[in-house]
């Protein structure tokens, strides 16, 4: 039994009530049932959060309602003030406690929390009640990012999951990326359109910087991210944005992100990001499309094939230009080029030369004039070294030492004018 539920049962009394129960009949039944299963009285008390004396009592006698008289609540004199003030301070119990204490209240803070709890719950239920917005086939899709910690080999890394959900059929597409940048966002759209076989008329988004730079909801003016807007114009997609702090507007994809994290990725381990994405594609087709959806009560795959597939709009046959970032690096002596806090190997003969670095969504391409470019998959995390898959890299020999002794040592030259003094008998010995 949840202790918080038990405390509410004793503390929160409906209007007009004069007494409250000490223990519910269901709790008495639970005590007897656990005893029949062989549990000790102490263990029963621990599981149900009851005093051992209470357990002994209800094991001895049959159920009969027992109530204690309701003595009134110490906060009742301030009820009118609290009812009016609580919504103004967002039902912040700490603020309310400070203000009623200044007015003479001498009770405890937990008692005030219990007193205003029913009003807070009633207010939240009114505030969060929304009308579900359903769309016609092919009318709208929703896009969002989620992130999850995943084991890739021996390393635990955070993977960012691009997720698109079709509003009518609830088919879902998910793909993992190293980050949530613009390149990944646009590449995710291209992969999703290919997966579904087309696009919807509109797509609903949140308000990230990769999509919108600024927005004035009062006037409706929006400053778009130019590269993102150009790509969506290329596809012919009409962009829709949620209101600020109203993420439930795109509840379909919000639920989809949680579904991916809790079902597809929970407890899984992969060799690399490529294997993770292969699994996500298999999961989308074999699991997500084949489960009975809780809202539509249909299989998303069947609902899509029956009513939505024909309504999707084909994207232009000409693929958009790949998004990339071009930089340059000077290759160090160890042949490991630093990019985004990771290092990527190139031939050792490139050491000391400047190379071009193309950063694509999935790979890093390092090139030098007159040489075959070197490609590596973009690494997750930081301070990692990519594996070299080309021919063996021979270690270049170091600089050869100059023959003979040093000729220009300034310390030696400063002493060159000194003449060693020898006894004359040594020269006489030589002449003999």
Protein backbone atom coordinates (compact mmCIF):
# COMPACT_ATOMS: atom_id res chain seq x y z
CA UNK A 1 0.00 0.00 0.00
CA UNK A 2 1.31 3.41 -0.94
CA UNK A 3 1.95 5.43 2.22
CA UNK A 4 1.02 8.65 0.43
CA UNK A 5 -2.38 7.20 -0.43
CA UNK A 6 -2.88 6.19 3.19
CA UNK A 7 -2.00 9.64 4.49
CA UNK A 8 -4.40 11.24 2.01
CA UNK A 9 -7.11 8.91 3.20
CA UNK A 10 -6.70 10.22 6.72
CA UNK A 11 -6.08 13.87 5.94
CA UNK A 12 -8.26 14.86 2.99
CA UNK A 13 -11.92 14.95 3.94
CA UNK A 14 -14.77 15.75 1.54
CA UNK A 15 -16.89 18.80 2.22
CA UNK A 16 -19.50 18.10 4.86
CA UNK A 17 -17.83 14.92 6.19
CA UNK A 18 -17.90 14.41 9.95
CA UNK A 19 -15.73 11.30 10.31
CA UNK A 20 -13.18 9.34 8.38
CA UNK A 21 -12.27 5.63 8.24
CA UNK A 22 -9.21 4.35 10.06
CA UNK A 23 -8.65 1.47 7.63
CA UNK A 24 -10.32 0.39 4.40
CA UNK A 25 -11.94 -3.04 4.04
CA UNK A 26 -9.63 -3.75 1.08
CA UNK A 27 -6.61 -3.31 3.38
CA UNK A 28 -8.13 -5.73 5.89
CA UNK A 29 -8.62 -8.23 3.09
CA UNK A 30 -5.01 -7.80 1.99
CA UNK A 31 -3.80 -8.48 5.54
CA UNK A 32 -5.75 -11.75 5.68
CA UNK A 33 -4.66 -12.82 2.19
CA UNK A 34 -0.97 -12.27 2.89
CA UNK A 35 -1.27 -14.23 6.14
CA UNK A 36 -2.83 -17.17 4.30
CA UNK A 37 0.18 -17.14 1.96
CA UNK A 38 2.43 -17.72 4.99
CA UNK A 39 3.91 -14.27 5.47
CA UNK A 40 4.86 -13.18 8.97
CA UNK A 41 3.02 -10.36 10.70
CA UNK A 42 6.12 -8.15 10.51
CA UNK A 43 6.47 -8.77 6.77
CA UNK A 44 2.76 -8.01 6.23
CA UNK A 45 3.17 -4.73 8.07
CA UNK A 46 6.22 -3.84 5.98
CA UNK A 47 4.49 -4.56 2.67
CA UNK A 48 1.27 -2.72 3.53
CA UNK A 49 2.94 0.06 5.55
CA UNK A 50 0.96 -0.83 8.68
CA UNK A 51 1.96 -1.00 12.33
CA UNK A 52 2.41 -4.57 13.55
CA UNK A 53 -0.23 -3.96 16.23
CA UNK A 54 -2.73 -3.11 13.52
CA UNK A 55 -1.85 -6.32 11.68
CA UNK A 56 -2.36 -8.40 14.85
CA UNK A 57 -5.70 -6.72 15.52
CA UNK A 58 -7.17 -7.40 12.07
CA UNK A 59 -5.93 -10.98 12.07
CA UNK A 60 -7.82 -11.59 15.32
CA UNK A 61 -11.19 -10.10 14.44
CA UNK A 62 -13.42 -9.85 11.36
CA UNK A 63 -13.88 -6.62 9.43
CA UNK A 64 -16.03 -3.93 10.95
CA UNK A 65 -15.91 -0.26 10.04
CA UNK A 66 -14.22 1.91 12.63
CA UNK A 67 -14.01 5.65 12.25
CA UNK A 68 -12.52 8.45 14.24
CA UNK A 69 -14.52 11.65 14.68
CA UNK A 70 -13.50 14.46 12.40
CA UNK A 71 -12.14 17.29 14.53
CA UNK A 72 -12.05 19.95 11.84
CA UNK A 73 -9.02 21.39 10.08
CA UNK A 74 -6.76 24.08 11.43
CA UNK A 75 -6.66 25.82 8.03
CA UNK A 76 -10.43 26.24 7.68
CA UNK A 77 -10.32 29.87 8.95
CA UNK A 78 -8.06 30.70 5.97
CA UNK A 79 -9.98 28.68 3.37
CA UNK A 80 -11.41 31.75 1.58
CA UNK A 81 -7.98 33.35 1.37
CA UNK A 82 -6.29 30.14 0.21
CA UNK A 83 -8.89 29.39 -2.46
CA UNK A 84 -8.39 32.81 -4.00
CA UNK A 85 -4.66 33.04 -3.51
CA UNK A 86 -3.60 29.52 -4.57
CA UNK A 87 -4.23 29.95 -8.34
CA UNK A 88 -2.40 33.30 -8.29
CA UNK A 89 0.82 31.70 -7.01
CA UNK A 90 0.54 28.53 -9.09
CA UNK A 91 -0.53 26.48 -6.03
CA UNK A 92 2.96 26.92 -4.59
CA UNK A 93 2.54 25.55 -1.07
CA UNK A 94 5.74 27.21 0.19
CA UNK A 95 4.41 30.66 -0.72
CA UNK A 96 0.98 29.93 0.74
CA UNK A 97 2.52 28.63 3.96
CA UNK A 98 4.64 31.77 4.35
CA UNK A 99 1.61 34.03 3.85
CA UNK A 100 -0.86 32.22 6.14
CA UNK A 101 1.84 31.93 8.83
CA UNK A 102 2.10 35.73 8.73
CA UNK A 103 -1.68 35.81 9.29
CA UNK A 104 -1.51 33.65 12.41
CA UNK A 105 -1.54 30.03 11.19
CA UNK A 106 0.50 27.84 13.56
CA UNK A 107 0.07 24.45 11.92
CA UNK A 108 2.55 22.44 9.87
CA UNK A 109 3.62 22.81 6.26
CA UNK A 110 2.62 19.20 5.29
CA UNK A 111 -0.91 19.91 6.55
CA UNK A 112 -1.16 22.88 4.19
CA UNK A 113 0.14 20.76 1.30
CA UNK A 114 -2.61 18.19 1.91
CA UNK A 115 -5.19 20.95 2.29
CA UNK A 116 -4.59 22.53 -1.12
CA UNK A 117 -3.81 19.29 -3.00
CA UNK A 118 -7.41 18.62 -4.17
CA UNK A 119 -7.66 22.17 -5.58
CA UNK A 120 -4.35 21.78 -7.43
CA UNK A 121 -5.44 18.48 -8.96
CA UNK A 122 -8.79 19.93 -9.99
CA UNK A 123 -7.07 22.94 -11.59
CA UNK A 124 -4.60 20.76 -13.50
CA UNK A 125 -7.30 18.47 -14.83
CA UNK A 126 -9.15 21.49 -16.22
CA UNK A 127 -5.94 23.00 -17.61
CA UNK A 128 -4.63 19.88 -19.36
CA UNK A 129 -7.88 18.71 -20.89
CA UNK A 130 -7.50 18.90 -24.67
CA UNK A 131 -9.42 17.81 -27.71
CA UNK A 132 -7.64 15.16 -29.76
CA UNK A 133 -6.81 16.50 -33.21
CA UNK A 134 -7.15 13.88 -35.93
CA UNK A 135 -6.03 14.41 -39.52
CA UNK A 136 -7.07 13.00 -42.86
CA UNK A 137 -4.88 10.50 -44.76
CA UNK A 138 -1.75 12.18 -46.10
CA UNK A 139 -2.58 15.49 -44.42
CA UNK A 140 0.01 15.77 -41.67
CA UNK A 141 3.10 14.18 -40.16
CA UNK A 142 4.84 15.14 -36.93
CA UNK A 143 8.61 15.28 -36.32
CA UNK A 144 10.63 15.43 -33.12
CA UNK A 145 13.96 14.38 -31.61
CA UNK A 146 14.53 12.06 -28.70
CA UNK A 147 17.75 10.91 -27.08
CA UNK A 148 18.79 7.76 -25.25
CA UNK A 149 21.93 6.31 -23.72
CA UNK A 150 22.90 3.24 -25.75
CA UNK A 151 25.82 0.83 -25.58
CA UNK A 152 27.80 0.82 -28.83
CA UNK A 153 30.45 -1.84 -28.38
CA UNK A 154 32.20 -1.15 -25.08
CA UNK A 155 31.17 2.50 -24.90
CA UNK A 156 27.93 3.98 -23.54
CA UNK A 157 27.00 6.99 -25.67
CA UNK A 158 24.01 9.28 -26.13
CA UNK A 159 22.26 8.69 -29.45
CA UNK A 160 19.83 11.26 -30.86
CA UNK A 161 16.81 9.66 -32.54
CA UNK A 162 15.01 11.44 -35.39
CA UNK A 163 11.35 10.37 -35.30
CA UNK A 164 8.53 11.00 -37.79
CA UNK A 165 4.95 9.79 -37.25
CA UNK A 166 2.19 9.88 -39.88
CA UNK A 167 -0.84 11.54 -38.28
CA UNK A 168 -3.53 9.31 -39.79
CA UNK A 169 -2.07 5.79 -39.83
CA UNK A 170 0.40 6.30 -36.93
CA UNK A 171 3.19 4.63 -38.90
CA UNK A 172 6.54 5.57 -37.38
CA UNK A 173 10.06 6.04 -38.71
CA UNK A 174 13.11 6.36 -36.44
CA UNK A 175 16.81 6.77 -37.14
CA UNK A 176 19.75 7.44 -34.83
CA UNK A 177 22.28 10.25 -35.27
CA UNK A 178 25.28 11.61 -33.42
CA UNK A 179 23.72 15.04 -32.90
CA UNK A 180 20.58 17.06 -33.68
CA UNK A 181 22.15 19.50 -36.11
CA UNK A 182 20.72 20.71 -39.39
CA UNK A 183 22.58 18.12 -41.47
CA UNK A 184 21.09 15.27 -39.42
CA UNK A 185 17.63 16.85 -39.49
CA UNK A 186 17.55 17.14 -43.28
CA UNK A 187 19.05 13.69 -43.79
CA UNK A 188 16.39 12.25 -41.47
CA UNK A 189 13.63 13.78 -43.61
CA UNK A 190 15.10 12.28 -46.78
CA UNK A 191 15.30 8.83 -45.16
CA UNK A 192 11.75 9.10 -43.79
CA UNK A 193 10.25 10.10 -47.15
CA UNK A 194 12.02 7.16 -48.77
CA UNK A 195 10.73 4.83 -46.04
CA UNK A 196 7.09 5.94 -46.39
CA UNK A 197 7.20 6.34 -50.16
CA UNK A 198 6.29 10.02 -50.15
CA UNK A 199 5.44 13.00 -47.95
CA UNK A 200 2.39 14.51 -46.30
CA UNK A 201 0.98 17.95 -47.13
CA UNK A 202 2.17 19.48 -43.85
CA UNK A 203 4.64 18.57 -41.12
CA UNK A 204 4.31 19.75 -37.52
CA UNK A 205 7.44 20.70 -35.56
CA UNK A 206 8.56 22.16 -32.29
CA UNK A 207 10.61 25.39 -32.35
CA UNK A 208 14.32 24.40 -32.46
CA UNK A 209 16.97 26.74 -33.85
CA UNK A 210 17.57 24.39 -36.76
CA UNK A 211 14.03 25.23 -37.99
CA UNK A 212 13.04 28.67 -36.69
CA UNK A 213 15.34 31.47 -35.57
CA UNK A 214 12.62 33.64 -34.01
CA UNK A 215 8.84 33.73 -33.83
CA UNK A 216 6.28 36.29 -32.65
CA UNK A 217 3.08 34.43 -31.79
CA UNK A 218 1.08 37.62 -31.36
CA UNK A 219 1.71 38.76 -34.95
CA UNK A 220 2.39 35.38 -36.52
CA UNK A 221 5.75 36.47 -37.99
CA UNK A 222 8.45 33.80 -38.26
CA UNK A 223 12.13 34.04 -39.12
CA UNK A 224 13.04 30.67 -40.62
CA UNK A 225 16.36 28.93 -40.74
CA UNK A 226 17.11 29.63 -44.42
CA UNK A 227 18.70 26.26 -45.24
CA UNK A 228 15.87 24.29 -43.64
CA UNK A 229 13.18 26.41 -45.32
CA UNK A 230 14.87 26.01 -48.70
CA UNK A 231 14.92 22.23 -48.34
CA UNK A 232 11.25 22.05 -47.31
CA UNK A 233 10.33 24.34 -50.22
CA UNK A 234 12.23 21.94 -52.47
CA UNK A 235 10.02 19.10 -51.20
CA UNK A 236 6.90 21.28 -51.28
CA UNK A 237 6.14 20.70 -47.59
CA UNK A 238 4.05 23.23 -45.66
CA UNK A 239 5.69 23.80 -42.25
CA UNK A 240 3.56 24.05 -39.09
CA UNK A 241 4.94 25.04 -35.68
CA UNK A 242 3.66 24.30 -32.18
CA UNK A 243 2.94 27.14 -29.81
CA UNK A 244 5.63 27.75 -27.24
CA UNK A 245 5.32 25.48 -24.19
CA UNK A 246 2.57 23.42 -25.86
CA UNK A 247 4.43 20.22 -26.73
CA UNK A 248 1.20 18.22 -26.36
CA UNK A 249 0.13 19.78 -29.67
CA UNK A 250 2.32 17.16 -31.36
CA UNK A 251 1.36 14.39 -28.97
CA UNK A 252 1.49 11.68 -31.65
CA UNK A 253 5.23 12.02 -32.15
CA UNK A 254 5.84 12.67 -28.44
CA UNK A 255 4.33 9.27 -27.72
CA UNK A 256 6.24 7.84 -30.67
CA UNK A 257 9.58 9.00 -29.26
CA UNK A 258 8.81 7.36 -25.90
CA UNK A 259 7.73 4.19 -27.70
CA UNK A 260 11.04 4.00 -29.57
CA UNK A 261 13.10 4.55 -26.41
CA UNK A 262 11.14 2.14 -24.22
CA UNK A 263 10.53 -0.60 -26.78
CA UNK A 264 13.12 -0.53 -29.55
CA UNK A 265 16.19 0.58 -27.57
CA UNK A 266 15.51 -0.69 -24.07
CA UNK A 267 18.21 -3.10 -22.95
CA UNK A 268 19.83 -3.32 -26.41
CA UNK A 269 23.53 -3.25 -27.31
CA UNK A 270 24.97 -2.65 -30.78
CA UNK A 271 28.40 -2.80 -32.40
CA UNK A 272 28.05 0.65 -33.99
CA UNK A 273 25.54 3.24 -35.14
CA UNK A 274 25.06 1.50 -38.48
CA UNK A 275 23.88 -1.68 -36.75
CA UNK A 276 21.58 0.38 -34.50
CA UNK A 277 19.92 2.00 -37.50
CA UNK A 278 19.53 -1.35 -39.24
CA UNK A 279 17.71 -2.60 -36.14
CA UNK A 280 15.51 0.50 -35.95
CA UNK A 281 14.40 -0.02 -39.56
CA UNK A 282 13.63 -3.68 -38.86
CA UNK A 283 11.75 -2.69 -35.68
CA UNK A 284 9.66 -0.05 -37.49
CA UNK A 285 8.51 -2.59 -40.07
CA UNK A 286 8.23 -5.70 -37.95
CA UNK A 287 7.12 -4.38 -34.57
CA UNK A 288 5.76 -0.82 -34.69
CA UNK A 289 3.78 -1.36 -37.91
CA UNK A 290 2.34 -4.65 -36.68
CA UNK A 291 1.08 -3.76 -33.20
CA UNK A 292 -2.50 -2.71 -32.50
CA UNK A 293 -2.39 1.03 -31.86
CA UNK A 294 -4.10 2.14 -28.66
CA UNK A 295 -5.99 5.02 -30.31
CA UNK A 296 -6.92 3.71 -33.75
CA UNK A 297 -7.26 0.07 -32.60
CA UNK A 298 -5.73 -0.97 -35.92
CA UNK A 299 -2.36 -2.12 -37.16
CA UNK A 300 -0.58 1.02 -38.46
CA UNK A 301 0.79 -0.93 -41.42
CA UNK A 302 -2.68 -2.10 -42.50
CA UNK A 303 -4.28 1.31 -41.90
CA UNK A 304 -1.52 2.91 -43.99
CA UNK A 305 -1.84 0.46 -46.89
CA UNK A 306 -5.63 0.75 -46.95
CA UNK A 307 -6.14 4.50 -46.67
CA UNK A 308 -2.96 6.58 -46.56
CA UNK A 309 -0.36 5.18 -48.95
CA UNK A 310 -2.19 6.50 -52.01
CA UNK A 311 -2.61 9.93 -50.40
CA UNK A 312 1.10 10.63 -49.90
CA UNK A 313 2.75 13.05 -52.31
CA UNK A 314 5.77 11.76 -54.21
CA UNK A 315 8.93 13.78 -53.66
CA UNK A 316 10.91 15.13 -56.60
CA UNK A 317 12.87 12.40 -58.37
CA UNK A 318 15.94 14.66 -58.34
CA UNK A 319 17.58 14.17 -54.93
CA UNK A 320 18.55 17.34 -53.08
CA UNK A 321 22.21 18.23 -52.78
CA UNK A 322 23.78 16.64 -49.71
CA UNK A 323 24.34 18.96 -46.79
CA UNK A 324 27.99 19.20 -45.86
CA UNK A 325 30.51 21.37 -44.07
CA UNK A 326 33.96 21.93 -45.57
CA UNK A 327 36.99 22.64 -43.41
CA UNK A 328 40.76 22.19 -43.68
CA UNK A 329 43.42 20.68 -41.42
CA UNK A 330 47.20 20.28 -41.38
CA UNK A 331 48.04 16.61 -40.90
CA UNK A 332 50.23 16.05 -37.81
CA UNK A 333 53.22 13.70 -37.81
CA UNK A 334 51.19 10.78 -36.41
CA UNK A 335 48.75 10.99 -39.35
CA UNK A 336 45.68 11.46 -37.11
CA UNK A 337 43.52 14.42 -38.15
CA UNK A 338 41.47 16.01 -35.34
CA UNK A 339 37.80 16.65 -36.22
CA UNK A 340 35.07 17.38 -33.64
CA UNK A 341 37.25 16.23 -30.73
CA UNK A 342 37.91 12.86 -32.44
CA UNK A 343 40.86 11.75 -34.60
CA UNK A 344 40.77 10.15 -38.04
CA UNK A 345 43.83 8.43 -39.61
CA UNK A 346 45.21 9.26 -43.07
CA UNK A 347 48.33 7.95 -44.86
CA UNK A 348 51.52 8.93 -43.07
CA UNK A 349 52.85 10.41 -46.30
CA UNK A 350 50.29 13.21 -45.86
CA UNK A 351 51.98 14.43 -42.67
CA UNK A 352 52.67 18.15 -42.79
CA UNK A 353 50.30 18.78 -45.71
CA UNK A 354 46.93 20.55 -45.70
CA UNK A 355 43.87 18.34 -46.33
CA UNK A 356 40.21 19.11 -47.03
CA UNK A 357 37.72 17.82 -44.46
CA UNK A 358 34.13 17.21 -45.63
CA UNK A 359 31.72 16.66 -42.72
CA UNK A 360 28.65 14.78 -43.97
CA UNK A 361 25.74 13.41 -41.97
CA UNK A 362 27.22 9.93 -41.63
CA UNK A 363 30.89 10.18 -42.57
CA UNK A 364 34.06 12.25 -42.63
CA UNK A 365 35.88 12.53 -45.98
CA UNK A 366 39.51 13.67 -45.94
CA UNK A 367 41.06 14.57 -49.28
CA UNK A 368 44.30 15.88 -50.77
CA UNK A 369 45.02 16.95 -54.36
CA UNK A 370 46.18 14.03 -56.47
CA UNK A 371 45.35 11.44 -53.79
CA UNK A 372 42.44 9.06 -53.26
CA UNK A 373 40.18 10.49 -50.50
CA UNK A 374 39.97 8.70 -47.16
CA UNK A 375 36.48 8.03 -45.74
CA UNK A 376 35.55 7.32 -42.14
CA UNK A 377 32.20 6.95 -40.39
CA UNK A 378 31.60 9.87 -38.01
CA UNK A 379 32.40 8.83 -34.47
CA UNK A 380 30.04 9.24 -31.55
CA UNK A 381 31.25 10.91 -28.38
CA UNK A 382 34.64 12.57 -27.98
CA UNK A 383 38.33 11.72 -27.73
CA UNK A 384 38.07 8.59 -29.90
CA UNK A 385 40.29 7.36 -32.72
CA UNK A 386 38.78 5.92 -35.90
CA UNK A 387 40.03 2.55 -37.09
CA UNK A 388 42.39 2.53 -40.09
CA UNK A 389 41.11 0.10 -42.74
CA UNK A 390 43.57 0.88 -45.57
CA UNK A 391 46.94 -0.70 -46.31
CA UNK A 392 49.48 -0.95 -43.53
CA UNK A 393 50.93 2.43 -42.63
CA UNK A 394 54.73 2.10 -42.47
CA UNK A 395 56.54 4.20 -39.94
CA UNK A 396 58.85 6.70 -41.60
CA UNK A 397 62.48 6.73 -40.48
CA UNK A 398 63.66 9.61 -38.39
CA UNK A 399 66.20 12.16 -39.54
CA UNK A 400 69.72 10.72 -39.97
CA UNK A 401 72.29 11.98 -37.51
CA UNK A 402 75.01 14.26 -38.95
CA UNK A 403 78.33 12.36 -39.50
CA UNK A 404 81.23 13.17 -37.18
CA UNK A 405 81.28 15.28 -34.04
CA UNK A 406 79.43 18.60 -33.81
CA UNK A 407 81.45 21.32 -35.53
CA UNK A 408 79.60 24.41 -34.35
CA UNK A 409 79.12 23.81 -30.62
CA UNK A 410 79.58 27.34 -29.21
CA UNK A 411 80.77 26.05 -25.87
CA UNK A 412 83.44 23.93 -27.56
CA UNK A 413 84.52 26.76 -29.85
CA UNK A 414 84.93 29.14 -26.91
CA UNK A 415 87.59 26.85 -25.53
CA UNK A 416 89.39 26.24 -28.83
CA UNK A 417 92.13 28.84 -28.11
CA UNK A 418 93.24 27.19 -24.88
CA UNK A 419 96.59 25.24 -25.12
CA UNK A 420 97.18 22.29 -22.87
CA UNK A 421 100.44 22.61 -20.86
CA UNK A 422 102.61 19.43 -20.81
CA UNK A 423 105.96 18.77 -19.09
CA UNK A 424 109.08 18.98 -21.41
CA UNK A 425 110.20 15.43 -20.54
CA UNK A 426 107.16 14.11 -22.43
CA UNK A 427 108.48 15.66 -25.68
CA UNK A 428 111.99 14.31 -25.02
CA UNK A 429 110.54 10.86 -24.60
CA UNK A 430 108.82 11.13 -27.98
CA UNK A 431 112.08 12.19 -29.79
CA UNK A 432 114.02 9.29 -28.37
